[in-house]
C-alpha atoms as a PDB file:
ATOM      1  CA  UNK A   1     159.243 119.765 103.596  1.00  0.00           C
ATOM      2  CA  UNK A   2     159.161 116.369 102.090  1.00  0.00           C
ATOM      3  CA  UNK A   3     157.089 115.032 104.951  1.00  0.00           C
ATOM      4  CA  UNK A   4     154.626 117.912 104.574  1.00  0.00           C
ATOM      5  CA  UNK A   5     154.307 117.325 100.778  1.00  0.00           C
ATOM      6  CA  UNK A   6     153.697 113.610 101.301  1.00  0.00           C
ATOM      7  CA  UNK A   7     151.011 114.372 103.850  1.00  0.00           C
ATOM      8  CA  UNK A   8     149.419 116.867 101.481  1.00  0.00           C
ATOM      9  CA  UNK A   9     149.450 114.305  98.670  1.00  0.00           C
ATOM     10  CA  UNK A  10     147.842 111.746 100.958  1.00  0.00           C
ATOM     11  CA  UNK A  11     145.046 114.170 101.848  1.00  0.00           C
ATOM     12  CA  UNK A  12     144.438 114.919  98.173  1.00  0.00           C
ATOM     13  CA  UNK A  13     144.373 111.197  97.366  1.00  0.00           C
ATOM     14  CA  UNK A  14     141.848 110.573 100.125  1.00  0.00           C
ATOM     15  CA  UNK A  15     139.631 113.388  98.860  1.00  0.00           C
ATOM     16  CA  UNK A  16     139.764 111.996  95.308  1.00  0.00           C
ATOM     17  CA  UNK A  17     138.839 108.512  96.519  1.00  0.00           C
ATOM     18  CA  UNK A  18     135.994 109.870  98.630  1.00  0.00           C
ATOM     19  CA  UNK A  19     134.617 111.861  95.697  1.00  0.00           C
ATOM     20  CA  UNK A  20     134.830 108.849  93.394  1.00  0.00           C
ATOM     21  CA  UNK A  21     133.035 106.708  95.947  1.00  0.00           C
ATOM     22  CA  UNK A  22     130.265 109.293  96.261  1.00  0.00           C
ATOM     23  CA  UNK A  23     129.756 109.365  92.499  1.00  0.00           C
ATOM     24  CA  UNK A  24     129.967 105.584  91.952  1.00  0.00           C
ATOM     25  CA  UNK A  25     126.656 103.780  91.373  1.00  0.00           C
ATOM     26  CA  UNK A  26     125.461 101.594  94.247  1.00  0.00           C
ATOM     27  CA  UNK A  27     126.541  97.961  94.134  1.00  0.00           C
ATOM     28  CA  UNK A  28     123.863  95.764  92.557  1.00  0.00           C
ATOM     29  CA  UNK A  29     121.757  93.716  94.954  1.00  0.00           C
ATOM     30  CA  UNK A  30     122.138  89.997  94.191  1.00  0.00           C
ATOM     31  CA  UNK A  31     118.957  88.578  92.656  1.00  0.00           C
ATOM     32  CA  UNK A  32     117.382  86.017  94.903  1.00  0.00           C
ATOM     33  CA  UNK A  33     116.550  82.717  93.185  1.00  0.00           C
ATOM     34  CA  UNK A  34     112.868  81.983  92.785  1.00  0.00           C
ATOM     35  CA  UNK A  35     111.457  79.527  95.241  1.00  0.00           C
ATOM     36  CA  UNK A  36     110.559  76.300  93.454  1.00  0.00           C
ATOM     37  CA  UNK A  37     106.853  75.826  92.846  1.00  0.00           C
ATOM     38  CA  UNK A  38     105.043  72.950  94.477  1.00  0.00           C
ATOM     39  CA  UNK A  39     101.938  71.118  93.311  1.00  0.00           C
ATOM     40  CA  UNK A  40      98.698  72.797  94.308  1.00  0.00           C
ATOM     41  CA  UNK A  41      95.059  72.664  93.293  1.00  0.00           C
ATOM     42  CA  UNK A  42      94.090  76.352  93.380  1.00  0.00           C
ATOM     43  CA  UNK A  43      90.323  76.800  93.133  1.00  0.00           C
ATOM     44  CA  UNK A  44      88.692  79.950  91.789  1.00  0.00           C
ATOM     45  CA  UNK A  45      85.193  78.433  92.001  1.00  0.00           C
ATOM     46  CA  UNK A  46      83.566  75.686  94.098  1.00  0.00           C
ATOM     47  CA  UNK A  47      82.867  73.885  90.802  1.00  0.00           C
ATOM     48  CA  UNK A  48      86.601  73.162  90.582  1.00  0.00           C
ATOM     49  CA  UNK A  49      86.097  70.429  93.192  1.00  0.00           C
ATOM     50  CA  UNK A  50      83.667  68.640  90.879  1.00  0.00           C
ATOM     51  CA  UNK A  51      86.745  67.824  88.820  1.00  0.00           C
ATOM     52  CA  UNK A  52      89.367  66.953  91.462  1.00  0.00           C
ATOM     53  CA  UNK A  53      89.574  65.501  94.956  1.00  0.00           C
ATOM     54  CA  UNK A  54      90.816  68.117  97.395  1.00  0.00           C
ATOM     55  CA  UNK A  55      93.473  65.707  98.675  1.00  0.00           C
ATOM     56  CA  UNK A  56      94.573  64.524  95.203  1.00  0.00           C
ATOM     57  CA  UNK A  57      98.286  63.851  94.838  1.00  0.00           C
ATOM     58  CA  UNK A  58     100.497  64.421  91.810  1.00  0.00           C
ATOM     59  CA  UNK A  59     103.071  61.782  90.855  1.00  0.00           C
ATOM     60  CA  UNK A  60     106.239  62.166  88.814  1.00  0.00           C
ATOM     61  CA  UNK A  61     106.319  59.404  86.199  1.00  0.00           C
ATOM     62  CA  UNK A  62     109.706  60.015  84.570  1.00  0.00           C
ATOM     63  CA  UNK A  63     112.361  62.713  84.297  1.00  0.00           C
ATOM     64  CA  UNK A  64     115.590  63.563  82.470  1.00  0.00           C
ATOM     65  CA  UNK A  65     114.006  65.075  79.367  1.00  0.00           C
ATOM     66  CA  UNK A  66     114.964  68.330  77.639  1.00  0.00           C
ATOM     67  CA  UNK A  67     111.585  69.886  76.809  1.00  0.00           C
ATOM     68  CA  UNK A  68     108.548  67.599  76.685  1.00  0.00           C
ATOM     69  CA  UNK A  69     105.566  67.997  74.385  1.00  0.00           C
ATOM     70  CA  UNK A  70     102.902  66.059  72.490  1.00  0.00           C
ATOM     71  CA  UNK A  71     101.629  63.503  75.050  1.00  0.00           C
ATOM     72  CA  UNK A  72      99.527  60.756  73.446  1.00  0.00           C
ATOM     73  CA  UNK A  73      98.294  57.741  75.422  1.00  0.00           C
ATOM     74  CA  UNK A  74      98.362  54.438  73.524  1.00  0.00           C
ATOM     75  CA  UNK A  75      95.510  52.455  75.030  1.00  0.00           C
ATOM     76  CA  UNK A  76      96.657  49.316  73.224  1.00  0.00           C
ATOM     77  CA  UNK A  77     100.201  49.388  74.598  1.00  0.00           C
ATOM     78  CA  UNK A  78      99.548  51.072  77.942  1.00  0.00           C
ATOM     79  CA  UNK A  79     102.168  53.793  77.524  1.00  0.00           C
ATOM     80  CA  UNK A  80     102.478  57.472  76.694  1.00  0.00           C
ATOM     81  CA  UNK A  81     104.144  58.829  73.572  1.00  0.00           C
ATOM     82  CA  UNK A  82     106.138  61.961  74.421  1.00  0.00           C
ATOM     83  CA  UNK A  83     107.957  64.374  72.105  1.00  0.00           C
ATOM     84  CA  UNK A  84     111.227  65.856  73.371  1.00  0.00           C
ATOM     85  CA  UNK A  85     111.932  69.078  71.489  1.00  0.00           C
ATOM     86  CA  UNK A  86     115.399  69.671  72.963  1.00  0.00           C
ATOM     87  CA  UNK A  87     116.709  66.114  72.716  1.00  0.00           C
ATOM     88  CA  UNK A  88     115.111  65.688  69.263  1.00  0.00           C
ATOM     89  CA  UNK A  89     113.285  62.413  69.794  1.00  0.00           C
ATOM     90  CA  UNK A  90     109.938  60.735  70.363  1.00  0.00           C
ATOM     91  CA  UNK A  91     109.770  58.382  73.357  1.00  0.00           C
ATOM     92  CA  UNK A  92     107.455  55.817  74.864  1.00  0.00           C
ATOM     93  CA  UNK A  93     107.029  56.503  78.579  1.00  0.00           C
ATOM     94  CA  UNK A  94     105.642  53.650  80.686  1.00  0.00           C
ATOM     95  CA  UNK A  95     103.783  54.036  84.012  1.00  0.00           C
ATOM     96  CA  UNK A  96     106.731  52.448  85.838  1.00  0.00           C
ATOM     97  CA  UNK A  97     109.064  55.187  84.531  1.00  0.00           C
ATOM     98  CA  UNK A  98     110.732  53.230  81.722  1.00  0.00           C
ATOM     99  CA  UNK A  99     111.565  55.290  78.660  1.00  0.00           C
ATOM    100  CA  UNK A 100     112.137  53.906  75.150  1.00  0.00           C
ATOM    101  CA  UNK A 101     113.158  56.062  72.206  1.00  0.00           C
ATOM    102  CA  UNK A 102     111.038  55.385  69.133  1.00  0.00           C
ATOM    103  CA  UNK A 103     112.282  58.027  66.722  1.00  0.00           C
ATOM    104  CA  UNK A 104     115.129  60.535  66.531  1.00  0.00           C
ATOM    105  CA  UNK A 105     114.007  63.605  64.602  1.00  0.00           C
ATOM    106  CA  UNK A 106     114.554  67.353  64.819  1.00  0.00           C
ATOM    107  CA  UNK A 107     112.179  69.196  67.162  1.00  0.00           C
ATOM    108  CA  UNK A 108     108.988  67.080  67.262  1.00  0.00           C
ATOM    109  CA  UNK A 109     106.036  68.830  68.887  1.00  0.00           C
ATOM    110  CA  UNK A 110     102.286  68.109  69.138  1.00  0.00           C
ATOM    111  CA  UNK A 111     100.850  64.703  68.303  1.00  0.00           C
ATOM    112  CA  UNK A 112      97.699  62.589  68.141  1.00  0.00           C
ATOM    113  CA  UNK A 113      96.403  59.298  66.765  1.00  0.00           C
ATOM    114  CA  UNK A 114      94.256  59.425  63.666  1.00  0.00           C
ATOM    115  CA  UNK A 115      91.186  57.213  63.254  1.00  0.00           C
ATOM    116  CA  UNK A 116      93.391  54.432  61.825  1.00  0.00           C
ATOM    117  CA  UNK A 117      95.481  54.609  65.023  1.00  0.00           C
ATOM    118  CA  UNK A 118      98.514  56.014  63.234  1.00  0.00           C
ATOM    119  CA  UNK A 119     100.670  58.288  65.372  1.00  0.00           C
ATOM    120  CA  UNK A 120     100.606  61.736  63.745  1.00  0.00           C
ATOM    121  CA  UNK A 121     103.426  64.102  64.714  1.00  0.00           C
ATOM    122  CA  UNK A 122     104.188  67.713  63.904  1.00  0.00           C
ATOM    123  CA  UNK A 123     107.836  67.820  62.781  1.00  0.00           C
ATOM    124  CA  UNK A 124     109.124  71.371  63.094  1.00  0.00           C
ATOM    125  CA  UNK A 125     112.551  70.920  61.484  1.00  0.00           C
ATOM    126  CA  UNK A 126     110.995  69.130  58.511  1.00  0.00           C
ATOM    127  CA  UNK A 127     108.257  71.795  58.461  1.00  0.00           C
ATOM    128  CA  UNK A 128     105.909  68.879  57.940  1.00  0.00           C
ATOM    129  CA  UNK A 129     103.138  66.655  59.236  1.00  0.00           C
ATOM    130  CA  UNK A 130     104.288  63.039  59.521  1.00  0.00           C
ATOM    131  CA  UNK A 131     102.827  59.622  60.341  1.00  0.00           C
ATOM    132  CA  UNK A 132     105.050  57.482  62.584  1.00  0.00           C
ATOM    133  CA  UNK A 133     104.954  53.677  62.514  1.00  0.00           C
ATOM    134  CA  UNK A 134     105.500  51.628  65.725  1.00  0.00           C
ATOM    135  CA  UNK A 135     109.035  50.789  64.555  1.00  0.00           C
ATOM    136  CA  UNK A 136     109.929  54.479  64.225  1.00  0.00           C
ATOM    137  CA  UNK A 137     109.738  54.718  60.448  1.00  0.00           C
ATOM    138  CA  UNK A 138     107.859  57.791  59.319  1.00  0.00           C
ATOM    139  CA  UNK A 139     106.077  59.100  56.261  1.00  0.00           C
ATOM    140  CA  UNK A 140     105.716  62.769  55.347  1.00  0.00           C
ATOM    141  CA  UNK A 141     102.024  63.501  54.861  1.00  0.00           C
ATOM    142  CA  UNK A 142     102.245  67.204  54.052  1.00  0.00           C
ATOM    143  CA  UNK A 143     104.968  69.860  54.020  1.00  0.00           C
ATOM    144  CA  UNK A 144     103.651  72.418  51.530  1.00  0.00           C
ATOM    145  CA  UNK A 145     100.504  74.389  50.860  1.00  0.00           C
ATOM    146  CA  UNK A 146      99.925  75.777  47.382  1.00  0.00           C
ATOM    147  CA  UNK A 147     103.584  75.113  46.568  1.00  0.00           C
ATOM    148  CA  UNK A 148     104.957  76.965  49.622  1.00  0.00           C
ATOM    149  CA  UNK A 149     106.606  75.383  52.654  1.00  0.00           C
ATOM    150  CA  UNK A 150     104.664  75.236  55.884  1.00  0.00           C
ATOM    151  CA  UNK A 151     106.054  77.351  58.741  1.00  0.00           C
ATOM    152  CA  UNK A 152     106.569  74.937  61.643  1.00  0.00           C
ATOM    153  CA  UNK A 153     103.517  72.756  62.421  1.00  0.00           C
ATOM    154  CA  UNK A 154     102.890  72.908  66.157  1.00  0.00           C
ATOM    155  CA  UNK A 155      99.862  70.951  67.386  1.00  0.00           C
ATOM    156  CA  UNK A 156      97.289  68.597  65.884  1.00  0.00           C
ATOM    157  CA  UNK A 157      93.933  67.085  66.828  1.00  0.00           C
ATOM    158  CA  UNK A 158      91.567  64.557  65.261  1.00  0.00           C
ATOM    159  CA  UNK A 159      88.301  66.157  64.161  1.00  0.00           C
ATOM    160  CA  UNK A 160      84.762  64.779  64.414  1.00  0.00           C
ATOM    161  CA  UNK A 161      84.744  64.239  60.646  1.00  0.00           C
ATOM    162  CA  UNK A 162      87.866  62.036  60.706  1.00  0.00           C
ATOM    163  CA  UNK A 163      90.158  64.730  59.298  1.00  0.00           C
ATOM    164  CA  UNK A 164      93.143  66.149  61.172  1.00  0.00           C
ATOM    165  CA  UNK A 165      93.383  69.794  62.181  1.00  0.00           C
ATOM    166  CA  UNK A 166      96.709  71.478  62.921  1.00  0.00           C
ATOM    167  CA  UNK A 167      98.224  74.874  63.673  1.00  0.00           C
ATOM    168  CA  UNK A 168     101.202  76.305  61.785  1.00  0.00           C
ATOM    169  CA  UNK A 169     102.825  79.223  63.647  1.00  0.00           C
ATOM    170  CA  UNK A 170     106.398  80.419  63.172  1.00  0.00           C
ATOM    171  CA  UNK A 171     107.647  79.680  66.712  1.00  0.00           C
ATOM    172  CA  UNK A 172     109.908  76.830  65.630  1.00  0.00           C
ATOM    173  CA  UNK A 173     110.774  78.020  62.147  1.00  0.00           C
ATOM    174  CA  UNK A 174     114.274  76.715  61.468  1.00  0.00           C
ATOM    175  CA  UNK A 175     116.901  79.407  61.962  1.00  0.00           C
ATOM    176  CA  UNK A 176     118.141  80.693  58.619  1.00  0.00           C
ATOM    177  CA  UNK A 177     115.159  79.374  56.688  1.00  0.00           C
ATOM    178  CA  UNK A 178     112.638  81.646  55.044  1.00  0.00           C
ATOM    179  CA  UNK A 179     108.989  81.955  55.959  1.00  0.00           C
ATOM    180  CA  UNK A 180     107.135  81.290  52.707  1.00  0.00           C
ATOM    181  CA  UNK A 181     103.498  81.519  53.808  1.00  0.00           C
ATOM    182  CA  UNK A 182     102.543  85.115  54.691  1.00  0.00           C
ATOM    183  CA  UNK A 183     100.416  84.030  57.681  1.00  0.00           C
ATOM    184  CA  UNK A 184     100.230  81.594  60.602  1.00  0.00           C
ATOM    185  CA  UNK A 185      97.411  79.287  59.630  1.00  0.00           C
ATOM    186  CA  UNK A 186      95.042  76.623  60.897  1.00  0.00           C
ATOM    187  CA  UNK A 187      94.706  73.742  58.442  1.00  0.00           C
ATOM    188  CA  UNK A 188      92.471  70.765  57.767  1.00  0.00           C
ATOM    189  CA  UNK A 189      94.330  67.669  56.536  1.00  0.00           C
ATOM    190  CA  UNK A 190      92.843  64.496  55.107  1.00  0.00           C
ATOM    191  CA  UNK A 191      94.333  61.053  55.802  1.00  0.00           C
ATOM    192  CA  UNK A 192      96.093  61.355  52.439  1.00  0.00           C
ATOM    193  CA  UNK A 193      97.719  64.661  53.391  1.00  0.00           C
ATOM    194  CA  UNK A 194      95.550  67.009  51.342  1.00  0.00           C
ATOM    195  CA  UNK A 195      95.432  70.447  52.974  1.00  0.00           C
ATOM    196  CA  UNK A 196      92.821  73.171  53.216  1.00  0.00           C
ATOM    197  CA  UNK A 197      93.467  76.520  54.907  1.00  0.00           C
ATOM    198  CA  UNK A 198      90.655  77.266  57.381  1.00  0.00           C
ATOM    199  CA  UNK A 199      91.845  80.396  59.186  1.00  0.00           C
ATOM    200  CA  UNK A 200      94.717  82.870  59.150  1.00  0.00           C
ATOM    201  CA  UNK A 201      93.412  85.512  61.545  1.00  0.00           C
ATOM    202  CA  UNK A 202      95.470  84.564  64.618  1.00  0.00           C
ATOM    203  CA  UNK A 203      98.887  85.980  65.467  1.00  0.00           C
ATOM    204  CA  UNK A 204     100.456  82.691  66.631  1.00  0.00           C
ATOM    205  CA  UNK A 205      97.997  79.755  66.811  1.00  0.00           C
ATOM    206  CA  UNK A 206      99.151  76.929  69.038  1.00  0.00           C
ATOM    207  CA  UNK A 207      97.217  74.223  70.912  1.00  0.00           C
ATOM    208  CA  UNK A 208      93.751  73.241  69.750  1.00  0.00           C
ATOM    209  CA  UNK A 209      90.887  70.988  70.880  1.00  0.00           C
ATOM    210  CA  UNK A 210      87.330  70.088  69.885  1.00  0.00           C
ATOM    211  CA  UNK A 211      84.342  70.166  72.202  1.00  0.00           C
ATOM    212  CA  UNK A 212      82.810  66.725  72.876  1.00  0.00           C
ATOM    213  CA  UNK A 213      79.823  67.414  70.611  1.00  0.00           C
ATOM    214  CA  UNK A 214      82.118  68.482  67.768  1.00  0.00           C
ATOM    215  CA  UNK A 215      80.428  71.847  67.400  1.00  0.00           C
ATOM    216  CA  UNK A 216      83.271  73.996  68.743  1.00  0.00           C
ATOM    217  CA  UNK A 217      86.989  74.249  68.002  1.00  0.00           C
ATOM    218  CA  UNK A 218      89.156  75.955  70.618  1.00  0.00           C
ATOM    219  CA  UNK A 219      92.511  77.410  69.541  1.00  0.00           C
ATOM    220  CA  UNK A 220      95.206  79.001  71.705  1.00  0.00           C
ATOM    221  CA  UNK A 221      96.943  82.205  70.637  1.00  0.00           C
ATOM    222  CA  UNK A 222     100.048  82.110  72.806  1.00  0.00           C
ATOM    223  CA  UNK A 223     101.316  85.544  71.782  1.00  0.00           C
ATOM    224  CA  UNK A 224      98.087  87.279  72.818  1.00  0.00           C
ATOM    225  CA  UNK A 225      97.607  85.047  75.902  1.00  0.00           C
ATOM    226  CA  UNK A 226      94.110  84.135  74.831  1.00  0.00           C
ATOM    227  CA  UNK A 227      91.958  81.191  73.831  1.00  0.00           C
ATOM    228  CA  UNK A 228      89.638  81.673  70.891  1.00  0.00           C
ATOM    229  CA  UNK A 229      86.647  79.537  69.990  1.00  0.00           C
ATOM    230  CA  UNK A 230      85.090  78.917  66.577  1.00  0.00           C
ATOM    231  CA  UNK A 231      81.846  77.301  65.550  1.00  0.00           C
ATOM    232  CA  UNK A 232      82.696  74.125  63.627  1.00  0.00           C
ATOM    233  CA  UNK A 233      80.318  73.458  60.742  1.00  0.00           C
ATOM    234  CA  UNK A 234      80.920  70.892  57.988  1.00  0.00           C
ATOM    235  CA  UNK A 235      84.702  71.085  58.293  1.00  0.00           C
ATOM    236  CA  UNK A 236      84.757  74.878  58.444  1.00  0.00           C
ATOM    237  CA  UNK A 237      85.650  77.324  61.242  1.00  0.00           C
ATOM    238  CA  UNK A 238      83.141  80.146  61.638  1.00  0.00           C
ATOM    239  CA  UNK A 239      82.346  83.038  63.999  1.00  0.00           C
ATOM    240  CA  UNK A 240      85.715  83.266  65.753  1.00  0.00           C
ATOM    241  CA  UNK A 241      85.542  84.974  69.143  1.00  0.00           C
ATOM    242  CA  UNK A 242      87.342  85.286  72.469  1.00  0.00           C
ATOM    243  CA  UNK A 243      86.741  82.400  74.877  1.00  0.00           C
ATOM    244  CA  UNK A 244      89.144  83.239  77.724  1.00  0.00           C
ATOM    245  CA  UNK A 245      92.268  85.212  78.628  1.00  0.00           C
ATOM    246  CA  UNK A 246      95.247  84.105  80.690  1.00  0.00           C
ATOM    247  CA  UNK A 247      97.253  86.651  82.662  1.00  0.00           C
ATOM    248  CA  UNK A 248     100.772  86.301  83.993  1.00  0.00           C
ATOM    249  CA  UNK A 249     104.148  85.162  82.760  1.00  0.00           C
ATOM    250  CA  UNK A 250     103.521  82.896  79.766  1.00  0.00           C
ATOM    251  CA  UNK A 251     100.515  82.024  77.671  1.00  0.00           C
ATOM    252  CA  UNK A 252      98.317  79.112  76.632  1.00  0.00           C
ATOM    253  CA  UNK A 253     100.020  76.285  74.752  1.00  0.00           C
ATOM    254  CA  UNK A 254      98.660  72.726  74.855  1.00  0.00           C
ATOM    255  CA  UNK A 255      94.963  72.177  75.506  1.00  0.00           C
ATOM    256  CA  UNK A 256      92.507  69.336  76.199  1.00  0.00           C
ATOM    257  CA  UNK A 257      88.800  68.942  77.039  1.00  0.00           C
ATOM    258  CA  UNK A 258      86.859  66.574  79.321  1.00  0.00           C
ATOM    259  CA  UNK A 259      83.575  64.815  78.528  1.00  0.00           C
ATOM    260  CA  UNK A 260      81.559  67.638  80.076  1.00  0.00           C
ATOM    261  CA  UNK A 261      83.235  70.240  77.885  1.00  0.00           C
ATOM    262  CA  UNK A 262      85.548  71.819  80.471  1.00  0.00           C
ATOM    263  CA  UNK A 263      88.716  73.202  78.881  1.00  0.00           C
ATOM    264  CA  UNK A 264      92.215  72.582  80.295  1.00  0.00           C
ATOM    265  CA  UNK A 265      94.918  74.868  78.887  1.00  0.00           C
ATOM    266  CA  UNK A 266      98.534  75.262  79.956  1.00  0.00           C
ATOM    267  CA  UNK A 267      99.447  78.745  81.120  1.00  0.00           C
ATOM    268  CA  UNK A 268     101.149  80.761  83.867  1.00  0.00           C
ATOM    269  CA  UNK A 269     102.058  78.484  86.826  1.00  0.00           C
ATOM    270  CA  UNK A 270     100.416  75.373  85.412  1.00  0.00           C
ATOM    271  CA  UNK A 271      97.144  74.345  83.789  1.00  0.00           C
ATOM    272  CA  UNK A 272      94.148  76.680  83.781  1.00  0.00           C
ATOM    273  CA  UNK A 273      90.694  75.078  83.878  1.00  0.00           C
ATOM    274  CA  UNK A 274      87.666  76.767  82.323  1.00  0.00           C
ATOM    275  CA  UNK A 275      84.025  75.712  82.130  1.00  0.00           C
ATOM    276  CA  UNK A 276      82.282  75.696  78.706  1.00  0.00           C
ATOM    277  CA  UNK A 277      81.243  79.340  79.227  1.00  0.00           C
ATOM    278  CA  UNK A 278      84.864  80.455  79.665  1.00  0.00           C
ATOM    279  CA  UNK A 279      84.764  80.922  83.451  1.00  0.00           C
ATOM    280  CA  UNK A 280      88.114  80.248  85.125  1.00  0.00           C
ATOM    281  CA  UNK A 281      87.375  77.480  87.658  1.00  0.00           C
ATOM    282  CA  UNK A 282      90.900  77.087  88.979  1.00  0.00           C
ATOM    283  CA  UNK A 283      94.527  76.272  88.262  1.00  0.00           C
ATOM    284  CA  UNK A 284      96.575  73.098  88.613  1.00  0.00           C
ATOM    285  CA  UNK A 285      99.889  74.513  89.843  1.00  0.00           C
ATOM    286  CA  UNK A 286     102.824  72.371  88.687  1.00  0.00           C
ATOM    287  CA  UNK A 287     106.468  72.178  89.818  1.00  0.00           C
ATOM    288  CA  UNK A 288     107.591  72.834  86.232  1.00  0.00           C
ATOM    289  CA  UNK A 289     105.938  75.000  83.611  1.00  0.00           C
ATOM    290  CA  UNK A 290     103.935  72.628  81.382  1.00  0.00           C
ATOM    291  CA  UNK A 291     103.799  72.878  77.603  1.00  0.00           C
ATOM    292  CA  UNK A 292     101.074  70.290  77.042  1.00  0.00           C
ATOM    293  CA  UNK A 293      98.856  67.673  78.653  1.00  0.00           C
ATOM    294  CA  UNK A 294      96.859  64.592  77.714  1.00  0.00           C
ATOM    295  CA  UNK A 295      94.404  62.030  79.054  1.00  0.00           C
ATOM    296  CA  UNK A 296      95.462  58.469  79.753  1.00  0.00           C
ATOM    297  CA  UNK A 297      95.099  55.156  81.589  1.00  0.00           C
ATOM    298  CA  UNK A 298      92.396  52.569  80.942  1.00  0.00           C
ATOM    299  CA  UNK A 299      89.527  54.779  82.131  1.00  0.00           C
ATOM    300  CA  UNK A 300      90.901  58.031  80.637  1.00  0.00           C
ATOM    301  CA  UNK A 301      90.671  59.714  84.045  1.00  0.00           C
ATOM    302  CA  UNK A 302      94.382  60.341  84.519  1.00  0.00           C
ATOM    303  CA  UNK A 303      95.826  63.586  83.256  1.00  0.00           C
ATOM    304  CA  UNK A 304      99.463  63.478  82.113  1.00  0.00           C
ATOM    305  CA  UNK A 305     101.425  66.731  82.101  1.00  0.00           C
ATOM    306  CA  UNK A 306     104.508  67.604  80.078  1.00  0.00           C
ATOM    307  CA  UNK A 307     106.682  69.582  82.476  1.00  0.00           C
ATOM    308  CA  UNK A 308     109.868  70.890  80.965  1.00  0.00           C
ATOM    309  CA  UNK A 309     112.091  67.999  82.058  1.00  0.00           C
ATOM    310  CA  UNK A 310     109.565  65.608  83.592  1.00  0.00           C
ATOM    311  CA  UNK A 311     106.251  63.851  83.045  1.00  0.00           C
ATOM    312  CA  UNK A 312     103.683  64.114  85.850  1.00  0.00           C
ATOM    313  CA  UNK A 313     100.250  62.573  86.336  1.00  0.00           C
ATOM    314  CA  UNK A 314      97.126  63.394  88.343  1.00  0.00           C
ATOM    315  CA  UNK A 315      93.875  61.477  88.829  1.00  0.00           C
ATOM    316  CA  UNK A 316      90.669  63.355  88.046  1.00  0.00           C
ATOM    317  CA  UNK A 317      86.982  62.752  88.681  1.00  0.00           C
ATOM    318  CA  UNK A 318      85.883  63.070  85.057  1.00  0.00           C
ATOM    319  CA  UNK A 319      86.789  61.111  81.971  1.00  0.00           C
ATOM    320  CA  UNK A 320      88.764  62.988  79.374  1.00  0.00           C
ATOM    321  CA  UNK A 321      87.409  63.568  75.899  1.00  0.00           C
ATOM    322  CA  UNK A 322      89.825  61.762  73.571  1.00  0.00           C
ATOM    323  CA  UNK A 323      88.706  61.989  69.910  1.00  0.00           C
ATOM    324  CA  UNK A 324      90.685  58.963  68.689  1.00  0.00           C
ATOM    325  CA  UNK A 325      89.323  56.751  71.510  1.00  0.00           C
ATOM    326  CA  UNK A 326      85.632  57.626  71.294  1.00  0.00           C
END
């Protein structure tokens, strides 16, 4: 009797386990890691090869950063200024890979030289535009508009009229701090720090660049994955319209232009290259997703890329358009 009851219990237990197994959800399939990207020049048009040699090689200049941004080539010193948003500093990066820290400051971002060759940085934590001296001392140029704090200045470019133009989205608004301006604006700033709001019609304006003739201003809207273009007339932005769209994971961030007016904007997989009509000529595929790029070297034909943790460079056929060096 006891043996029969034990056997019966065992059968019941087996049936319960079998039923539970049938009702249990399938075991999750382990996610396979993404294969690392490798450098590639991916042409969408034969005109892409007017800009690059087909056998061009990309070099890694330096690594060990947190999140690089704001590349600015100093033609007098022969080095690249680089902002590191994660490690909260501004560095000098030399062609031989040496790195020197110039300034420790919370979340620096885009940068440029003004016409007096002052390094102008967007300082997100300060919610300000600052001028940085070679010894690392800085001066706040502007941090308010009409008595209200800026959001988190993101990128800046020197205009054809000598003024500075910058975007002010909320991407890097300090956690716990209040947004005081009811928009994400594009501003004009004089050398003395006087501000004028030019546009507030974009959802999250980011990188920006002027055409070589100074008649167009391109502005990235990262949230909408698009590049917009405005006619630039007497310090004003007019007739805003779509220039190009980027599709894929990510959106346009930093942006530069060459002397023929081709536009280079970071985006999915690397840097997207457009002709002045907005036609996608091709993509520079990078090992790391870039946030920004800049022209450098003595002839301004080397493009420097801010990968997440590394700085890369690539020789090009055309000279870059660099407003502060013209």
